[in-house]
């Protein structure tokens, strides 16, 4: 068990990276859904987005 410590460390790192990747995917997907919903509501969200970018 103790001899495979670096291997378990690599597994843990891969697991952490996979979880982080999944978290980024979920957050990006939810942001995309929210953006598309607001786009359907407002209609002209592209100009609003450009205005927000120019302000920021």
Protein backbone atom coordinates (compact mmCIF):
# COMPACT_ATOMS: atom_id res chain seq x y z
CA UNK A 1 0.00 0.00 0.00
CA UNK A 2 2.76 2.44 0.96
CA UNK A 3 4.82 1.56 -2.12
CA UNK A 4 2.14 2.96 -4.46
CA UNK A 5 2.07 6.35 -2.77
CA UNK A 6 3.26 8.41 -5.80
CA UNK A 7 0.76 6.55 -7.99
CA UNK A 8 -2.07 7.42 -5.61
CA UNK A 9 -0.83 11.01 -5.58
CA UNK A 10 -1.02 11.10 -9.38
CA UNK A 11 -4.50 9.58 -9.21
CA UNK A 12 -5.55 12.22 -6.71
CA UNK A 13 -4.16 14.97 -8.92
CA UNK A 14 -5.97 13.56 -11.96
CA UNK A 15 -9.18 13.28 -9.94
CA UNK A 16 -8.84 16.88 -8.73
CA UNK A 17 -8.19 18.09 -12.29
CA UNK A 18 -11.20 16.13 -13.56
CA UNK A 19 -13.43 17.58 -10.84
CA UNK A 20 -12.15 21.08 -11.59
CA UNK A 21 -12.79 20.55 -15.31
CA UNK A 22 -16.32 19.30 -14.59
CA UNK A 23 -16.94 22.28 -12.30
CA UNK A 24 -15.79 24.69 -15.02
CA UNK A 25 -18.01 22.88 -17.54
CA UNK A 26 -21.03 23.08 -15.24
CA UNK A 27 -20.43 26.74 -14.44
CA UNK A 28 -19.89 27.60 -18.10
CA UNK A 29 -23.00 25.67 -19.10
CA UNK A 30 -25.16 27.38 -16.48
CA UNK A 31 -23.77 30.79 -17.50
CA UNK A 32 -24.54 29.96 -21.14
CA UNK A 33 -28.10 28.91 -20.21
CA UNK A 34 -28.62 32.11 -18.21
CA UNK A 35 -27.22 34.21 -21.06
CA UNK A 36 -29.46 32.50 -23.63
CA UNK A 37 -32.51 32.95 -21.39
CA UNK A 38 -31.80 36.65 -20.95
CA UNK A 39 -31.18 36.89 -24.69
CA UNK A 40 -34.62 35.40 -25.35
CA UNK A 41 -36.13 37.85 -22.84
CA UNK A 42 -34.39 41.02 -24.02
CA UNK A 43 -33.95 40.22 -27.69
CA UNK A 44 -31.18 42.77 -28.28
CA UNK A 45 -28.74 41.38 -25.73
CA UNK A 46 -25.85 41.53 -28.23
CA UNK A 47 -25.92 45.35 -28.19
CA UNK A 48 -26.41 45.28 -24.41
CA UNK A 49 -23.41 43.00 -24.09
CA UNK A 50 -21.30 45.29 -26.26
CA UNK A 51 -22.42 48.28 -24.19
CA UNK A 52 -21.52 46.44 -20.99
CA UNK A 53 -18.11 45.53 -22.43
CA UNK A 54 -17.46 49.11 -23.54
CA UNK A 55 -18.50 50.40 -20.10
CA UNK A 56 -16.33 47.82 -18.31
